[in-house]
Amino acid sequence: MIIVVLGLYCKEDKTGIFMKVDGKSKRDLWPYIKKFVDPNTSTICTDQAKQYHGVEQLLGPTCTHITTNHSVGEFVAADNSLNTINDLENQNKFLKKSISSRKSTQSLYQYMAL
C-alpha cells in the first residue's frame, strides 16, 4: 500500500497539517500548498525535490524559497540554521510509525486529525 501525505508546518505558531494527496507531482501538491499556506508567507522551506522547484511563485513576489539537500544528509542548512524542515520531519516520523504499525488507512486519518 502506498499512501502519499503532504505535511505543512508553520514555524511561527507551531501548527501543522497533514493531508492525503493523490501523488507527488506539482500538479498534485501545489493546489494544497496554495490553499493552506498563507499568501503573506515570507519564506517557505522544503527539501530539494523537483516538485517544489518554483513553489515560491504560488505565494507572491515577497516569498523566498529555501531548501535543504536531504540526499547528502543535510537536514539543517550549514549557512542558515533557520533553513530546516526538522519540525515537520519530526511530526512525519510519528505519522509513519502509526501507519506502519497498524497497516490501515483508518489509522492514517485518525492520526492526521490529531
C-alpha atoms as a PDB file:
ATOM      1  CA  MET A   1       0.000   0.000   0.000  1.00  0.00           C
ATOM      2  CA  ILE A   2       1.421   3.399  -0.998  1.00  0.00           C
ATOM      3  CA  ILE A   3      -0.013   6.474   0.634  1.00  0.00           C
ATOM      4  CA  VAL A   4       1.179   9.966  -0.287  1.00  0.00           C
ATOM      5  CA  VAL A   5       0.828  12.507   2.507  1.00  0.00           C
ATOM      6  CA  LEU A   6       1.658  16.205   2.277  1.00  0.00           C
ATOM      7  CA  GLY A   7       2.658  17.877   5.513  1.00  0.00           C
ATOM      8  CA  LEU A   8       2.729  21.630   6.078  1.00  0.00           C
ATOM      9  CA  TYR A   9       4.108  23.214   9.252  1.00  0.00           C
ATOM     10  CA  CYS A  10       4.177  26.833  10.421  1.00  0.00           C
ATOM     11  CA  LYS A  11       7.248  27.629  12.498  1.00  0.00           C
ATOM     12  CA  GLU A  12       5.741  30.832  13.904  1.00  0.00           C
ATOM     13  CA  ASP A  13       2.647  29.368  15.527  1.00  0.00           C
ATOM     14  CA  LYS A  14       3.928  25.771  15.710  1.00  0.00           C
ATOM     15  CA  THR A  15       0.919  24.251  13.968  1.00  0.00           C
ATOM     16  CA  GLY A  16       0.866  21.720  11.203  1.00  0.00           C
ATOM     17  CA  ILE A  17      -1.454  19.831   8.939  1.00  0.00           C
ATOM     18  CA  PHE A  18      -1.175  16.531   7.089  1.00  0.00           C
ATOM     19  CA  MET A  19      -3.366  15.602   4.171  1.00  0.00           C
ATOM     20  CA  LYS A  20      -3.610  12.543   1.931  1.00  0.00           C
ATOM     21  CA  VAL A  21      -2.951  13.548  -1.676  1.00  0.00           C
ATOM     22  CA  ASP A  22      -3.183  11.710  -4.986  1.00  0.00           C
ATOM     23  CA  GLY A  23       0.514  11.855  -5.893  1.00  0.00           C
ATOM     24  CA  LYS A  24       3.892  13.559  -5.557  1.00  0.00           C
ATOM     25  CA  SER A  25       3.853  15.789  -8.634  1.00  0.00           C
ATOM     26  CA  LYS A  26       3.492  19.585  -8.727  1.00  0.00           C
ATOM     27  CA  ARG A  27       0.024  19.067 -10.160  1.00  0.00           C
ATOM     28  CA  ASP A  28      -0.943  17.071  -7.059  1.00  0.00           C
ATOM     29  CA  LEU A  29       0.795  19.135  -4.356  1.00  0.00           C
ATOM     30  CA  TRP A  30       0.665  22.785  -5.426  1.00  0.00           C
ATOM     31  CA  PRO A  31      -3.123  23.238  -5.103  1.00  0.00           C
ATOM     32  CA  TYR A  32      -2.877  22.201  -1.440  1.00  0.00           C
ATOM     33  CA  ILE A  33       0.102  24.458  -0.822  1.00  0.00           C
ATOM     34  CA  LYS A  34      -1.764  27.371  -2.398  1.00  0.00           C
ATOM     35  CA  LYS A  35      -4.880  26.640  -0.340  1.00  0.00           C
ATOM     36  CA  PHE A  36      -3.267  26.112   3.069  1.00  0.00           C
ATOM     37  CA  VAL A  37      -0.163  28.350   3.086  1.00  0.00           C
ATOM     38  CA  ASP A  38      -0.759  31.991   3.965  1.00  0.00           C
ATOM     39  CA  PRO A  39      -0.083  34.117   0.844  1.00  0.00           C
ATOM     40  CA  ASN A  40       1.817  36.563   3.074  1.00  0.00           C
ATOM     41  CA  THR A  41       4.370  33.893   3.970  1.00  0.00           C
ATOM     42  CA  SER A  42       7.843  35.348   3.587  1.00  0.00           C
ATOM     43  CA  THR A  43       9.805  32.091   3.496  1.00  0.00           C
ATOM     44  CA  ILE A  44       8.934  28.531   2.558  1.00  0.00           C
ATOM     45  CA  CYS A  45      11.365  25.700   3.376  1.00  0.00           C
ATOM     46  CA  THR A  46      11.389  22.384   1.516  1.00  0.00           C
ATOM     47  CA  ASP A  47      13.801  19.681   0.536  1.00  0.00           C
ATOM     48  CA  GLN A  48      15.213  19.820  -2.991  1.00  0.00           C
ATOM     49  CA  ALA A  49      12.689  17.516  -4.628  1.00  0.00           C
ATOM     50  CA  LYS A  50      11.777  18.623  -8.165  1.00  0.00           C
ATOM     51  CA  GLN A  51       8.092  19.056  -7.356  1.00  0.00           C
ATOM     52  CA  TYR A  52       8.948  22.023  -5.099  1.00  0.00           C
ATOM     53  CA  HIS A  53      11.057  23.929  -7.641  1.00  0.00           C
ATOM     54  CA  GLY A  54       9.410  27.327  -8.176  1.00  0.00           C
ATOM     55  CA  VAL A  55       6.879  26.909  -5.351  1.00  0.00           C
ATOM     56  CA  GLU A  56       7.513  30.490  -4.202  1.00  0.00           C
ATOM     57  CA  GLN A  57       5.621  31.628  -7.321  1.00  0.00           C
ATOM     58  CA  LEU A  58       2.397  30.449  -5.643  1.00  0.00           C
ATOM     59  CA  LEU A  59       2.858  32.821  -2.738  1.00  0.00           C
ATOM     60  CA  GLY A  60       3.765  36.076  -4.394  1.00  0.00           C
ATOM     61  CA  PRO A  61       6.804  38.234  -5.042  1.00  0.00           C
ATOM     62  CA  THR A  62       7.833  38.662  -1.395  1.00  0.00           C
ATOM     63  CA  CYS A  63       8.157  34.923  -0.727  1.00  0.00           C
ATOM     64  CA  THR A  64      11.572  33.251  -0.696  1.00  0.00           C
ATOM     65  CA  HIS A  65      12.011  29.510  -1.193  1.00  0.00           C
ATOM     66  CA  ILE A  66      14.935  27.909   0.642  1.00  0.00           C
ATOM     67  CA  THR A  67      15.897  24.254   0.529  1.00  0.00           C
ATOM     68  CA  THR A  68      17.896  21.604   2.317  1.00  0.00           C
ATOM     69  CA  ASN A  69      19.606  18.760   0.497  1.00  0.00           C
ATOM     70  CA  HIS A  70      18.469  15.505   2.102  1.00  0.00           C
ATOM     71  CA  SER A  71      20.376  13.393  -0.429  1.00  0.00           C
ATOM     72  CA  VAL A  72      23.670  14.492   1.170  1.00  0.00           C
ATOM     73  CA  GLY A  73      22.340  14.165   4.722  1.00  0.00           C
ATOM     74  CA  GLU A  74      21.589  17.860   5.176  1.00  0.00           C
ATOM     75  CA  PHE A  75      18.559  18.490   7.365  1.00  0.00           C
ATOM     76  CA  VAL A  76      19.631  21.952   8.522  1.00  0.00           C
ATOM     77  CA  ALA A  77      21.441  24.181   6.034  1.00  0.00           C
ATOM     78  CA  ALA A  78      25.049  24.819   7.051  1.00  0.00           C
ATOM     79  CA  ASP A  79      24.776  28.510   6.186  1.00  0.00           C
ATOM     80  CA  ASN A  80      21.340  29.178   7.747  1.00  0.00           C
ATOM     81  CA  SER A  81      20.092  27.351  10.850  1.00  0.00           C
ATOM     82  CA  LEU A  82      16.535  28.579  10.165  1.00  0.00           C
ATOM     83  CA  ASN A  83      16.580  26.664   6.888  1.00  0.00           C
ATOM     84  CA  THR A  84      15.245  23.356   8.127  1.00  0.00           C
ATOM     85  CA  ILE A  85      12.154  21.211   7.905  1.00  0.00           C
ATOM     86  CA  ASN A  86      13.044  19.242  11.039  1.00  0.00           C
ATOM     87  CA  ASP A  87       9.860  20.266  12.877  1.00  0.00           C
ATOM     88  CA  LEU A  88       7.764  18.798  10.079  1.00  0.00           C
ATOM     89  CA  GLU A  89      10.010  15.751   9.728  1.00  0.00           C
ATOM     90  CA  ASN A  90       9.615  15.065  13.459  1.00  0.00           C
ATOM     91  CA  GLN A  91       5.817  15.049  13.157  1.00  0.00           C
ATOM     92  CA  ASN A  92       6.109  12.952   9.994  1.00  0.00           C
ATOM     93  CA  LYS A  93       8.128  10.338  11.900  1.00  0.00           C
ATOM     94  CA  PHE A  94       5.226   9.749  14.288  1.00  0.00           C
ATOM     95  CA  LEU A  95       2.762   9.597  11.399  1.00  0.00           C
ATOM     96  CA  LYS A  96       4.840   6.993   9.548  1.00  0.00           C
ATOM     97  CA  LYS A  97       5.239   4.907  12.696  1.00  0.00           C
ATOM     98  CA  SER A  98       1.489   4.987  13.281  1.00  0.00           C
ATOM     99  CA  ILE A  99       0.744   3.879   9.723  1.00  0.00           C
ATOM    100  CA  SER A 100       3.311   1.078   9.585  1.00  0.00           C
ATOM    101  CA  SER A 101       2.366  -0.341  12.965  1.00  0.00           C
ATOM    102  CA  ARG A 102      -1.343  -0.552  12.157  1.00  0.00           C
ATOM    103  CA  LYS A 103      -1.270  -1.267   8.404  1.00  0.00           C
ATOM    104  CA  SER A 104      -4.518   0.590   7.878  1.00  0.00           C
ATOM    105  CA  THR A 105      -5.663   3.791   6.233  1.00  0.00           C
ATOM    106  CA  GLN A 106      -8.080   4.298   9.140  1.00  0.00           C
ATOM    107  CA  SER A 107      -5.158   4.976  11.492  1.00  0.00           C
ATOM    108  CA  LEU A 108      -3.786   7.431   8.926  1.00  0.00           C
ATOM    109  CA  TYR A 109      -6.956   9.525   9.046  1.00  0.00           C
ATOM    110  CA  GLN A 110      -7.127   9.318  12.833  1.00  0.00           C
ATOM    111  CA  TYR A 111      -3.530  10.491  13.224  1.00  0.00           C
ATOM    112  CA  MET A 112      -3.920  13.290  10.666  1.00  0.00           C
ATOM    113  CA  ALA A 113      -6.964  14.503  12.622  1.00  0.00           C
ATOM    114  CA  LEU A 114      -4.845  14.833  15.747  1.00  0.00           C
END
